[in-house]
Amino acid sequence: MSSLNEIKKKIKIVESTSKITNAMKLVATSKLKKQKQMFENESIYCKNFYDVFSQIYFESNNLDLFSDKKESNKTIWILVFSNMGLCGSFNLNIVKELEKHIKKDDELIIIGKKGRNILKSKSIDNKILLDIELDDKNNSYDLSYLIGNNIFYEFKNRKDVGFVNMLYTKFENSLSFISTAHQIFPLDEKQLMQRVKRPSEDSIYTINANSEKIIESILPDYMAVSLFGGILESKVCENASRRNAMESATKNADELIKNYRLEFNRKRQSDITQEITEIVSGSNLGE
């Protein structure tokens, strides 16, 4: 059994840990609030963009873009990881979902500092085209547009690549997040319809120019909006996951402190009882 001093040291160590995890929980909660607000604001823009984009797409009679790529099954995967750790199973769930779909010749674009190491730990050694450390301060639509443009033209100019898919974390609520694979290119009508409704005849938008030319010109924007929306939603999930992980760690630390204090009191009571017994025994021997 540990001595009283050893138990005291354990209590102090766990108390320090509890303070740290609680502080990290508060920071994650603050970041989560900001990220949710930013995501909700940007979602309005993204929805309006998809509304316009879908009308142009359907008016172009479901334009068969990238028909020259139908023979290729190679996929460029855009993987959105966290830039920091201590966020529970957030990154691991991305890898688990990736393992269901990835092929040996697929190529990767990693967004988030933690991505490369966790892929390496899972023996996923596919070619990495781009590895970006993207923190909250640097996350912006302009940056997503630059990254998206590079990805779009990489896909467009390479005949051996047939698909561009993004794997990000979808936000359900503060306790539930789902790792989701989304096909960006070629355009998938089913996935597009999950985001918007098919335009009606009395749509508020009127397209006067050639819809086929318009849709070809705004494909880089579609790439950027898809990327930016996925990153923003993943950031919300990351901070929610970190907050939950730190809250759980704090509760576990507090429970451990409670158990150590109980052990300390029992040990102290045992020592006192033993001392009294020894004193009484000595007194009886003196008589």
Foldseek 3Di string as FASTA:
>chain_A
DDDLVVLVVVLVVLVVVLVVLVVLLVVLVVLLVVLVVVLVVVVVVLLVVLVVLLQLCVVLVNDPPPPLQPVAPAEEEEEEDAQDDLLPCLQVQLVVVCVVDDDQAHEYEYEHNPNVVVCVVVVNDHHYPYHHHDDPVNQDLVVLLVVLVVVVVVQVVDSNHRWYKYWAWADDDLVDIHTDIGTLPPDDPVSSCVSDPRDDPPDPDDDDDNSVVVSVVCSSVSSSSVRSSRNSRRSSSRSSSSSVSSVVSSVVSVVVSVVSVVVSVVNVVVVVVVVVVVVVVVVVVVD
